[in-house]
mmCIF file of all heavy atoms, coordinates in Angstrom:
data_MODEL
# 
_entry.id   MODEL 
# 
loop_
_atom_site.group_PDB 
_atom_site.id 
_atom_site.type_symbol 
_atom_site.label_atom_id 
_atom_site.label_alt_id 
_atom_site.label_comp_id 
_atom_site.label_asym_id 
_atom_site.label_entity_id 
_atom_site.label_seq_id 
_atom_site.pdbx_PDB_ins_code 
_atom_site.Cartn_x 
_atom_site.Cartn_y 
_atom_site.Cartn_z 
_atom_site.occupancy 
_atom_site.B_iso_or_equiv 
_atom_site.pdbx_formal_charge 
_atom_site.auth_seq_id 
_atom_site.auth_comp_id 
_atom_site.auth_asym_id 
_atom_site.auth_atom_id 
_atom_site.pdbx_PDB_model_num 
ATOM 1   N N   . ASN A 1 1  ? 57.233 -16.369 -4.353  1.00 0.00 ? 1  ASN A N   1 
ATOM 2   C CA  . ASN A 1 1  ? 57.954 -17.067 -5.392  1.00 0.00 ? 1  ASN A CA  1 
ATOM 3   C C   . ASN A 1 1  ? 57.423 -16.899 -6.787  1.00 0.00 ? 1  ASN A C   1 
ATOM 4   O O   . ASN A 1 1  ? 58.124 -16.793 -7.754  1.00 0.00 ? 1  ASN A O   1 
ATOM 5   C CB  . ASN A 1 1  ? 57.961 -18.573 -5.022  1.00 0.00 ? 1  ASN A CB  1 
ATOM 6   C CG  . ASN A 1 1  ? 58.799 -18.947 -3.860  1.00 0.00 ? 1  ASN A CG  1 
ATOM 7   O OD1 . ASN A 1 1  ? 59.616 -18.036 -3.426  1.00 0.00 ? 1  ASN A OD1 1 
ATOM 8   N ND2 . ASN A 1 1  ? 58.627 -19.960 -3.207  1.00 0.00 ? 1  ASN A ND2 1 
ATOM 9   N N   . LYS A 1 2  ? 56.061 -16.735 -6.853  1.00 0.00 ? 2  LYS A N   1 
ATOM 10  C CA  . LYS A 1 2  ? 55.456 -16.539 -8.149  1.00 0.00 ? 2  LYS A CA  1 
ATOM 11  C C   . LYS A 1 2  ? 55.780 -15.114 -8.635  1.00 0.00 ? 2  LYS A C   1 
ATOM 12  O O   . LYS A 1 2  ? 56.007 -14.983 -9.843  1.00 0.00 ? 2  LYS A O   1 
ATOM 13  C CB  . LYS A 1 2  ? 53.899 -16.687 -8.006  1.00 0.00 ? 2  LYS A CB  1 
ATOM 14  C CG  . LYS A 1 2  ? 53.459 -18.057 -7.797  1.00 0.00 ? 2  LYS A CG  1 
ATOM 15  C CD  . LYS A 1 2  ? 51.896 -18.122 -7.665  1.00 0.00 ? 2  LYS A CD  1 
ATOM 16  C CE  . LYS A 1 2  ? 51.428 -19.610 -7.580  1.00 0.00 ? 2  LYS A CE  1 
ATOM 17  N NZ  . LYS A 1 2  ? 49.941 -19.571 -7.417  1.00 0.00 ? 2  LYS A NZ  1 
ATOM 18  N N   . ILE A 1 3  ? 55.880 -14.221 -7.703  1.00 0.00 ? 3  ILE A N   1 
ATOM 19  C CA  . ILE A 1 3  ? 56.291 -12.781 -8.165  1.00 0.00 ? 3  ILE A CA  1 
ATOM 20  C C   . ILE A 1 3  ? 57.750 -12.824 -8.720  1.00 0.00 ? 3  ILE A C   1 
ATOM 21  O O   . ILE A 1 3  ? 57.983 -12.152 -9.795  1.00 0.00 ? 3  ILE A O   1 
ATOM 22  C CB  . ILE A 1 3  ? 56.223 -11.828 -6.949  1.00 0.00 ? 3  ILE A CB  1 
ATOM 23  C CG1 . ILE A 1 3  ? 54.711 -11.650 -6.614  1.00 0.00 ? 3  ILE A CG1 1 
ATOM 24  C CG2 . ILE A 1 3  ? 56.856 -10.439 -7.317  1.00 0.00 ? 3  ILE A CG2 1 
ATOM 25  C CD1 . ILE A 1 3  ? 54.569 -10.855 -5.282  1.00 0.00 ? 3  ILE A CD1 1 
ATOM 26  N N   . ILE A 1 4  ? 58.584 -13.636 -8.140  1.00 0.00 ? 4  ILE A N   1 
ATOM 27  C CA  . ILE A 1 4  ? 60.000 -13.773 -8.657  1.00 0.00 ? 4  ILE A CA  1 
ATOM 28  C C   . ILE A 1 4  ? 59.983 -14.366 -10.003 1.00 0.00 ? 4  ILE A C   1 
ATOM 29  O O   . ILE A 1 4  ? 60.738 -13.942 -10.876 1.00 0.00 ? 4  ILE A O   1 
ATOM 30  C CB  . ILE A 1 4  ? 60.842 -14.534 -7.626  1.00 0.00 ? 4  ILE A CB  1 
ATOM 31  C CG1 . ILE A 1 4  ? 61.017 -13.710 -6.336  1.00 0.00 ? 4  ILE A CG1 1 
ATOM 32  C CG2 . ILE A 1 4  ? 62.169 -14.853 -8.209  1.00 0.00 ? 4  ILE A CG2 1 
ATOM 33  C CD1 . ILE A 1 4  ? 61.731 -14.482 -5.171  1.00 0.00 ? 4  ILE A CD1 1 
ATOM 34  N N   . ILE A 1 5  ? 59.054 -15.349 -10.215 1.00 0.00 ? 5  ILE A N   1 
ATOM 35  C CA  . ILE A 1 5  ? 59.064 -16.071 -11.477 1.00 0.00 ? 5  ILE A CA  1 
ATOM 36  C C   . ILE A 1 5  ? 58.480 -15.070 -12.535 1.00 0.00 ? 5  ILE A C   1 
ATOM 37  O O   . ILE A 1 5  ? 58.965 -14.975 -13.651 1.00 0.00 ? 5  ILE A O   1 
ATOM 38  C CB  . ILE A 1 5  ? 58.160 -17.242 -11.354 1.00 0.00 ? 5  ILE A CB  1 
ATOM 39  C CG1 . ILE A 1 5  ? 58.837 -18.368 -10.549 1.00 0.00 ? 5  ILE A CG1 1 
ATOM 40  C CG2 . ILE A 1 5  ? 57.884 -17.854 -12.841 1.00 0.00 ? 5  ILE A CG2 1 
ATOM 41  C CD1 . ILE A 1 5  ? 58.033 -19.578 -10.276 1.00 0.00 ? 5  ILE A CD1 1 
ATOM 42  N N   . LYS A 1 6  ? 57.475 -14.291 -12.132 1.00 0.00 ? 6  LYS A N   1 
ATOM 43  C CA  . LYS A 1 6  ? 56.915 -13.324 -13.073 1.00 0.00 ? 6  LYS A CA  1 
ATOM 44  C C   . LYS A 1 6  ? 57.981 -12.320 -13.457 1.00 0.00 ? 6  LYS A C   1 
ATOM 45  O O   . LYS A 1 6  ? 58.065 -11.808 -14.604 1.00 0.00 ? 6  LYS A O   1 
ATOM 46  C CB  . LYS A 1 6  ? 55.677 -12.624 -12.460 1.00 0.00 ? 6  LYS A CB  1 
ATOM 47  C CG  . LYS A 1 6  ? 54.991 -11.590 -13.254 1.00 0.00 ? 6  LYS A CG  1 
ATOM 48  C CD  . LYS A 1 6  ? 54.522 -12.160 -14.608 1.00 0.00 ? 6  LYS A CD  1 
ATOM 49  C CE  . LYS A 1 6  ? 53.334 -13.124 -14.355 1.00 0.00 ? 6  LYS A CE  1 
ATOM 50  N NZ  . LYS A 1 6  ? 52.832 -13.652 -15.656 1.00 0.00 ? 6  LYS A NZ  1 
ATOM 51  N N   . MET A 1 7  ? 58.758 -11.822 -12.527 1.00 0.00 ? 7  MET A N   1 
ATOM 52  C CA  . MET A 1 7  ? 59.858 -10.874 -12.851 1.00 0.00 ? 7  MET A CA  1 
ATOM 53  C C   . MET A 1 7  ? 60.822 -11.408 -13.682 1.00 0.00 ? 7  MET A C   1 
ATOM 54  O O   . MET A 1 7  ? 61.380 -10.754 -14.796 1.00 0.00 ? 7  MET A O   1 
ATOM 55  C CB  . MET A 1 7  ? 60.585 -10.417 -11.482 1.00 0.00 ? 7  MET A CB  1 
ATOM 56  C CG  . MET A 1 7  ? 59.772 -9.541  -10.530 1.00 0.00 ? 7  MET A CG  1 
ATOM 57  S SD  . MET A 1 7  ? 59.540 -7.913  -11.220 1.00 0.00 ? 7  MET A SD  1 
ATOM 58  C CE  . MET A 1 7  ? 61.168 -7.272  -10.843 1.00 0.00 ? 7  MET A CE  1 
ATOM 59  N N   . ALA A 1 8  ? 61.130 -12.718 -13.646 1.00 0.00 ? 8  ALA A N   1 
ATOM 60  C CA  . ALA A 1 8  ? 62.101 -13.376 -14.545 1.00 0.00 ? 8  ALA A CA  1 
ATOM 61  C C   . ALA A 1 8  ? 61.526 -13.412 -15.965 1.00 0.00 ? 8  ALA A C   1 
ATOM 62  O O   . ALA A 1 8  ? 62.214 -13.246 -16.934 1.00 0.00 ? 8  ALA A O   1 
ATOM 63  C CB  . ALA A 1 8  ? 62.449 -14.811 -14.013 1.00 0.00 ? 8  ALA A CB  1 
ATOM 64  N N   . GLU A 1 9  ? 60.214 -13.670 -16.041 1.00 0.00 ? 9  GLU A N   1 
ATOM 65  C CA  . GLU A 1 9  ? 59.586 -13.812 -17.354 1.00 0.00 ? 9  GLU A CA  1 
ATOM 66  C C   . GLU A 1 9  ? 59.600 -12.368 -18.011 1.00 0.00 ? 9  GLU A C   1 
ATOM 67  O O   . GLU A 1 9  ? 59.691 -12.378 -19.280 1.00 0.00 ? 9  GLU A O   1 
ATOM 68  C CB  . GLU A 1 9  ? 58.209 -14.262 -17.166 1.00 0.00 ? 9  GLU A CB  1 
ATOM 69  C CG  . GLU A 1 9  ? 57.990 -15.681 -16.732 1.00 0.00 ? 9  GLU A CG  1 
ATOM 70  C CD  . GLU A 1 9  ? 56.585 -16.134 -16.421 1.00 0.00 ? 9  GLU A CD  1 
ATOM 71  O OE1 . GLU A 1 9  ? 55.783 -15.225 -16.310 1.00 0.00 ? 9  GLU A OE1 1 
ATOM 72  O OE2 . GLU A 1 9  ? 56.306 -17.329 -16.216 1.00 0.00 ? 9  GLU A OE2 1 
ATOM 73  N N   . LYS A 1 10 ? 59.615 -11.313 -17.249 1.00 0.00 ? 10 LYS A N   1 
ATOM 74  C CA  . LYS A 1 10 ? 59.607 -10.035 -17.779 1.00 0.00 ? 10 LYS A CA  1 
ATOM 75  C C   . LYS A 1 10 ? 61.087 -9.570  -18.114 1.00 0.00 ? 10 LYS A C   1 
ATOM 76  O O   . LYS A 1 10 ? 61.251 -8.492  -18.735 1.00 0.00 ? 10 LYS A O   1 
ATOM 77  C CB  . LYS A 1 10 ? 59.066 -9.000  -16.768 1.00 0.00 ? 10 LYS A CB  1 
ATOM 78  C CG  . LYS A 1 10 ? 57.514 -9.112  -16.593 1.00 0.00 ? 10 LYS A CG  1 
ATOM 79  C CD  . LYS A 1 10 ? 57.005 -8.250  -15.490 1.00 0.00 ? 10 LYS A CD  1 
ATOM 80  C CE  . LYS A 1 10 ? 55.466 -8.439  -15.345 1.00 0.00 ? 10 LYS A CE  1 
ATOM 81  N NZ  . LYS A 1 10 ? 54.700 -8.012  -16.510 1.00 0.00 ? 10 LYS A NZ  1 
ATOM 82  N N   . GLY A 1 11 ? 62.051 -10.346 -17.592 1.00 0.00 ? 11 GLY A N   1 
ATOM 83  C CA  . GLY A 1 11 ? 63.456 -10.066 -18.003 1.00 0.00 ? 11 GLY A CA  1 
ATOM 84  C C   . GLY A 1 11 ? 64.264 -9.510  -16.857 1.00 0.00 ? 11 GLY A C   1 
ATOM 85  O O   . GLY A 1 11 ? 65.346 -8.990  -17.032 1.00 0.00 ? 11 GLY A O   1 
ATOM 86  N N   . VAL A 1 12 ? 63.812 -9.723  -15.621 1.00 0.00 ? 12 VAL A N   1 
ATOM 87  C CA  . VAL A 1 12 ? 64.564 -9.250  -14.396 1.00 0.00 ? 12 VAL A CA  1 
ATOM 88  C C   . VAL A 1 12 ? 64.809 -10.325 -13.469 1.00 0.00 ? 12 VAL A C   1 
ATOM 89  O O   . VAL A 1 12 ? 63.882 -10.941 -12.988 1.00 0.00 ? 12 VAL A O   1 
ATOM 90  C CB  . VAL A 1 12 ? 63.806 -8.077  -13.694 1.00 0.00 ? 12 VAL A CB  1 
ATOM 91  C CG1 . VAL A 1 12 ? 64.545 -7.606  -12.498 1.00 0.00 ? 12 VAL A CG1 1 
ATOM 92  C CG2 . VAL A 1 12 ? 63.474 -6.942  -14.578 1.00 0.00 ? 12 VAL A CG2 1 
ATOM 93  N N   . ALA A 1 13 ? 65.981 -10.588 -13.165 1.00 0.00 ? 13 ALA A N   1 
ATOM 94  C CA  . ALA A 1 13 ? 66.453 -11.652 -12.238 1.00 0.00 ? 13 ALA A CA  1 
ATOM 95  C C   . ALA A 1 13 ? 66.339 -11.090 -10.781 1.00 0.00 ? 13 ALA A C   1 
ATOM 96  O O   . ALA A 1 13 ? 66.991 -10.065 -10.524 1.00 0.00 ? 13 ALA A O   1 
ATOM 97  C CB  . ALA A 1 13 ? 67.747 -12.162 -12.542 1.00 0.00 ? 13 ALA A CB  1 
ATOM 98  N N   . CYS A 1 14 ? 65.658 -11.801 -9.949  1.00 0.00 ? 14 CYS A N   1 
ATOM 99  C CA  . CYS A 1 14 ? 65.605 -11.355 -8.536  1.00 0.00 ? 14 CYS A CA  1 
ATOM 100 C C   . CYS A 1 14 ? 66.192 -12.511 -7.676  1.00 0.00 ? 14 CYS A C   1 
ATOM 101 O O   . CYS A 1 14 ? 66.405 -13.618 -8.205  1.00 0.00 ? 14 CYS A O   1 
ATOM 102 C CB  . CYS A 1 14 ? 64.222 -11.086 -8.118  1.00 0.00 ? 14 CYS A CB  1 
ATOM 103 S SG  . CYS A 1 14 ? 63.488 -9.523  -9.004  1.00 0.00 ? 14 CYS A SG  1 
ATOM 104 N N   . ASN A 1 15 ? 66.145 -12.312 -6.422  1.00 0.00 ? 15 ASN A N   1 
ATOM 105 C CA  . ASN A 1 15 ? 66.752 -13.309 -5.473  1.00 0.00 ? 15 ASN A CA  1 
ATOM 106 C C   . ASN A 1 15 ? 65.997 -13.261 -4.151  1.00 0.00 ? 15 ASN A C   1 
ATOM 107 O O   . ASN A 1 15 ? 65.143 -12.339 -3.992  1.00 0.00 ? 15 ASN A O   1 
ATOM 108 C CB  . ASN A 1 15 ? 68.167 -13.127 -5.323  1.00 0.00 ? 15 ASN A CB  1 
ATOM 109 C CG  . ASN A 1 15 ? 68.982 -14.401 -5.124  1.00 0.00 ? 15 ASN A CG  1 
ATOM 110 O OD1 . ASN A 1 15 ? 68.433 -15.335 -4.525  1.00 0.00 ? 15 ASN A OD1 1 
ATOM 111 N ND2 . ASN A 1 15 ? 70.240 -14.411 -5.607  1.00 0.00 ? 15 ASN A ND2 1 
ATOM 112 N N   . VAL A 1 16 ? 66.370 -14.159 -3.247  1.00 0.00 ? 16 VAL A N   1 
ATOM 113 C CA  . VAL A 1 16 ? 65.898 -14.105 -1.938  1.00 0.00 ? 16 VAL A CA  1 
ATOM 114 C C   . VAL A 1 16 ? 67.048 -14.242 -0.917  1.00 0.00 ? 16 VAL A C   1 
ATOM 115 O O   . VAL A 1 16 ? 67.968 -15.065 -1.086  1.00 0.00 ? 16 VAL A O   1 
ATOM 116 C CB  . VAL A 1 16 ? 64.923 -15.307 -1.571  1.00 0.00 ? 16 VAL A CB  1 
ATOM 117 C CG1 . VAL A 1 16 ? 64.574 -15.396 -0.149  1.00 0.00 ? 16 VAL A CG1 1 
ATOM 118 C CG2 . VAL A 1 16 ? 63.650 -15.239 -2.487  1.00 0.00 ? 16 VAL A CG2 1 
ATOM 119 N N   . HIS A 1 17 ? 67.193 -13.323 0.061   1.00 0.00 ? 17 HIS A N   1 
ATOM 120 C CA  . HIS A 1 17 ? 68.207 -13.312 1.019   1.00 0.00 ? 17 HIS A CA  1 
ATOM 121 C C   . HIS A 1 17 ? 67.644 -13.195 2.432   1.00 0.00 ? 17 HIS A C   1 
ATOM 122 O O   . HIS A 1 17 ? 67.169 -12.159 2.816   1.00 0.00 ? 17 HIS A O   1 
ATOM 123 C CB  . HIS A 1 17 ? 69.130 -12.149 0.895   1.00 0.00 ? 17 HIS A CB  1 
ATOM 124 C CG  . HIS A 1 17 ? 69.913 -12.143 -0.455  1.00 0.00 ? 17 HIS A CG  1 
ATOM 125 N ND1 . HIS A 1 17 ? 69.489 -11.771 -1.568  1.00 0.00 ? 17 HIS A ND1 1 
ATOM 126 C CD2 . HIS A 1 17 ? 71.189 -12.536 -0.651  1.00 0.00 ? 17 HIS A CD2 1 
ATOM 127 C CE1 . HIS A 1 17 ? 70.398 -11.901 -2.494  1.00 0.00 ? 17 HIS A CE1 1 
ATOM 128 N NE2 . HIS A 1 17 ? 71.467 -12.338 -1.971  1.00 0.00 ? 17 HIS A NE2 1 
ATOM 129 N N   . TYR A 1 18 ? 67.539 -14.314 3.209   1.00 0.00 ? 18 TYR A N   1 
ATOM 130 C CA  . TYR A 1 18 ? 67.943 -15.719 2.938   1.00 0.00 ? 18 TYR A CA  1 
ATOM 131 C C   . TYR A 1 18 ? 66.848 -16.664 3.430   1.00 0.00 ? 18 TYR A C   1 
ATOM 132 O O   . TYR A 1 18 ? 66.073 -16.146 4.177   1.00 0.00 ? 18 TYR A O   1 
ATOM 133 C CB  . TYR A 1 18 ? 69.298 -15.982 3.673   1.00 0.00 ? 18 TYR A CB  1 
ATOM 134 C CG  . TYR A 1 18 ? 70.448 -15.372 3.141   1.00 0.00 ? 18 TYR A CG  1 
ATOM 135 C CD1 . TYR A 1 18 ? 70.977 -14.144 3.813   1.00 0.00 ? 18 TYR A CD1 1 
ATOM 136 C CD2 . TYR A 1 18 ? 71.162 -15.753 2.028   1.00 0.00 ? 18 TYR A CD2 1 
ATOM 137 C CE1 . TYR A 1 18 ? 72.122 -13.550 3.403   1.00 0.00 ? 18 TYR A CE1 1 
ATOM 138 C CE2 . TYR A 1 18 ? 72.293 -15.121 1.628   1.00 0.00 ? 18 TYR A CE2 1 
ATOM 139 C CZ  . TYR A 1 18 ? 72.713 -13.982 2.314   1.00 0.00 ? 18 TYR A CZ  1 
ATOM 140 O OH  . TYR A 1 18 ? 73.891 -13.404 1.772   1.00 0.00 ? 18 TYR A OH  1 
ATOM 141 N N   . LYS A 1 19 ? 66.923 -17.890 3.047   1.00 0.00 ? 19 LYS A N   1 
ATOM 142 C CA  . LYS A 1 19 ? 66.136 -18.814 3.760   1.00 0.00 ? 19 LYS A CA  1 
ATOM 143 C C   . LYS A 1 19 ? 66.876 -19.083 5.168   1.00 0.00 ? 19 LYS A C   1 
ATOM 144 O O   . LYS A 1 19 ? 68.091 -19.239 5.134   1.00 0.00 ? 19 LYS A O   1 
ATOM 145 C CB  . LYS A 1 19 ? 66.114 -20.143 2.988   1.00 0.00 ? 19 LYS A CB  1 
ATOM 146 C CG  . LYS A 1 19 ? 65.282 -21.252 3.801   1.00 0.00 ? 19 LYS A CG  1 
ATOM 147 C CD  . LYS A 1 19 ? 65.345 -22.614 2.972   1.00 0.00 ? 19 LYS A CD  1 
ATOM 148 C CE  . LYS A 1 19 ? 64.338 -22.535 1.771   1.00 0.00 ? 19 LYS A CE  1 
ATOM 149 N NZ  . LYS A 1 19 ? 64.184 -23.826 1.164   1.00 0.00 ? 19 LYS A NZ  1 
ATOM 150 N N   . PRO A 1 20 ? 66.130 -18.831 6.241   1.00 0.00 ? 20 PRO A N   1 
ATOM 151 C CA  . PRO A 1 20 ? 66.803 -18.979 7.586   1.00 0.00 ? 20 PRO A CA  1 
ATOM 152 C C   . PRO A 1 20 ? 67.421 -20.316 7.772   1.00 0.00 ? 20 PRO A C   1 
ATOM 153 O O   . PRO A 1 20 ? 67.046 -21.379 7.233   1.00 0.00 ? 20 PRO A O   1 
ATOM 154 C CB  . PRO A 1 20 ? 65.557 -18.858 8.557   1.00 0.00 ? 20 PRO A CB  1 
ATOM 155 C CG  . PRO A 1 20 ? 64.597 -17.941 7.752   1.00 0.00 ? 20 PRO A CG  1 
ATOM 156 C CD  . PRO A 1 20 ? 64.745 -18.390 6.361   1.00 0.00 ? 20 PRO A CD  1 
ATOM 157 N N   . LEU A 1 21 ? 68.542 -20.233 8.473   1.00 0.00 ? 21 LEU A N   1 
ATOM 158 C CA  . LEU A 1 21 ? 69.361 -21.517 8.657   1.00 0.00 ? 21 LEU A CA  1 
ATOM 159 C C   . LEU A 1 21 ? 68.612 -22.671 9.227   1.00 0.00 ? 21 LEU A C   1 
ATOM 160 O O   . LEU A 1 21 ? 68.859 -23.796 8.816   1.00 0.00 ? 21 LEU A O   1 
ATOM 161 C CB  . LEU A 1 21 ? 70.607 -21.169 9.568   1.00 0.00 ? 21 LEU A CB  1 
ATOM 162 C CG  . LEU A 1 21 ? 71.585 -20.190 8.888   1.00 0.00 ? 21 LEU A CG  1 
ATOM 163 C CD1 . LEU A 1 21 ? 72.879 -20.124 9.843   1.00 0.00 ? 21 LEU A CD1 1 
ATOM 164 C CD2 . LEU A 1 21 ? 72.070 -20.671 7.522   1.00 0.00 ? 21 LEU A CD2 1 
ATOM 165 N N   . PRO A 1 22 ? 67.710 -22.494 10.141  1.00 0.00 ? 22 PRO A N   1 
ATOM 166 C CA  . PRO A 1 22 ? 66.905 -23.616 10.805  1.00 0.00 ? 22 PRO A CA  1 
ATOM 167 C C   . PRO A 1 22 ? 66.072 -24.363 9.743   1.00 0.00 ? 22 PRO A C   1 
ATOM 168 O O   . PRO A 1 22 ? 65.544 -25.433 9.990   1.00 0.00 ? 22 PRO A O   1 
ATOM 169 C CB  . PRO A 1 22 ? 66.139 -22.977 11.863  1.00 0.00 ? 22 PRO A CB  1 
ATOM 170 C CG  . PRO A 1 22 ? 66.811 -21.813 12.280  1.00 0.00 ? 22 PRO A CG  1 
ATOM 171 C CD  . PRO A 1 22 ? 67.416 -21.252 10.948  1.00 0.00 ? 22 PRO A CD  1 
ATOM 172 N N   . MET A 1 23 ? 65.890 -23.766 8.554   1.00 0.00 ? 23 MET A N   1 
ATOM 173 C CA  . MET A 1 23 ? 65.090 -24.500 7.435   1.00 0.00 ? 23 MET A CA  1 
ATOM 174 C C   . MET A 1 23 ? 66.034 -25.246 6.594   1.00 0.00 ? 23 MET A C   1 
ATOM 175 O O   . MET A 1 23 ? 65.424 -26.054 5.761   1.00 0.00 ? 23 MET A O   1 
ATOM 176 C CB  . MET A 1 23 ? 64.310 -23.347 6.605   1.00 0.00 ? 23 MET A CB  1 
ATOM 177 C CG  . MET A 1 23 ? 63.305 -22.552 7.378   1.00 0.00 ? 23 MET A CG  1 
ATOM 178 S SD  . MET A 1 23 ? 62.602 -21.314 6.382   1.00 0.00 ? 23 MET A SD  1 
ATOM 179 C CE  . MET A 1 23 ? 61.586 -22.269 5.210   1.00 0.00 ? 23 MET A CE  1 
ATOM 180 N N   . MET A 1 24 ? 67.290 -25.171 6.810   1.00 0.00 ? 24 MET A N   1 
ATOM 181 C CA  . MET A 1 24 ? 68.238 -25.926 5.967   1.00 0.00 ? 24 MET A CA  1 
ATOM 182 C C   . MET A 1 24 ? 68.562 -27.329 6.507   1.00 0.00 ? 24 MET A C   1 
ATOM 183 O O   . MET A 1 24 ? 68.654 -27.451 7.730   1.00 0.00 ? 24 MET A O   1 
ATOM 184 C CB  . MET A 1 24 ? 69.521 -25.142 5.804   1.00 0.00 ? 24 MET A CB  1 
ATOM 185 C CG  . MET A 1 24 ? 69.432 -23.788 5.194   1.00 0.00 ? 24 MET A CG  1 
ATOM 186 S SD  . MET A 1 24 ? 68.877 -23.915 3.475   1.00 0.00 ? 24 MET A SD  1 
ATOM 187 C CE  . MET A 1 24 ? 69.108 -22.194 2.848   1.00 0.00 ? 24 MET A CE  1 
ATOM 188 N N   . THR A 1 25 ? 68.672 -28.303 5.670   1.00 0.00 ? 25 THR A N   1 
ATOM 189 C CA  . THR A 1 25 ? 68.887 -29.695 6.085   1.00 0.00 ? 25 THR A CA  1 
ATOM 190 C C   . THR A 1 25 ? 70.012 -29.783 7.094   1.00 0.00 ? 25 THR A C   1 
ATOM 191 O O   . THR A 1 25 ? 69.877 -30.481 8.130   1.00 0.00 ? 25 THR A O   1 
ATOM 192 C CB  . THR A 1 25 ? 69.112 -30.630 4.844   1.00 0.00 ? 25 THR A CB  1 
ATOM 193 O OG1 . THR A 1 25 ? 67.946 -30.550 4.014   1.00 0.00 ? 25 THR A OG1 1 
ATOM 194 C CG2 . THR A 1 25 ? 69.331 -32.043 5.326   1.00 0.00 ? 25 THR A CG2 1 
ATOM 195 N N   . ALA A 1 26 ? 71.118 -29.144 6.873   1.00 0.00 ? 26 ALA A N   1 
ATOM 196 C CA  . ALA A 1 26 ? 72.350 -29.327 7.626   1.00 0.00 ? 26 ALA A CA  1 
ATOM 197 C C   . ALA A 1 26 ? 72.043 -28.957 9.018   1.00 0.00 ? 26 ALA A C   1 
ATOM 198 O O   . ALA A 1 26 ? 72.490 -29.500 9.992   1.00 0.00 ? 26 ALA A O   1 
ATOM 199 C CB  . ALA A 1 26 ? 73.463 -28.480 7.030   1.00 0.00 ? 26 ALA A CB  1 
# 
């Protein structure tokens, strides 16, 4: 997550695909 934030600070938007479904509240 810190690497993703660092990339954003440098001007590059990244993402995560995906948080596994069993980690989701629903």
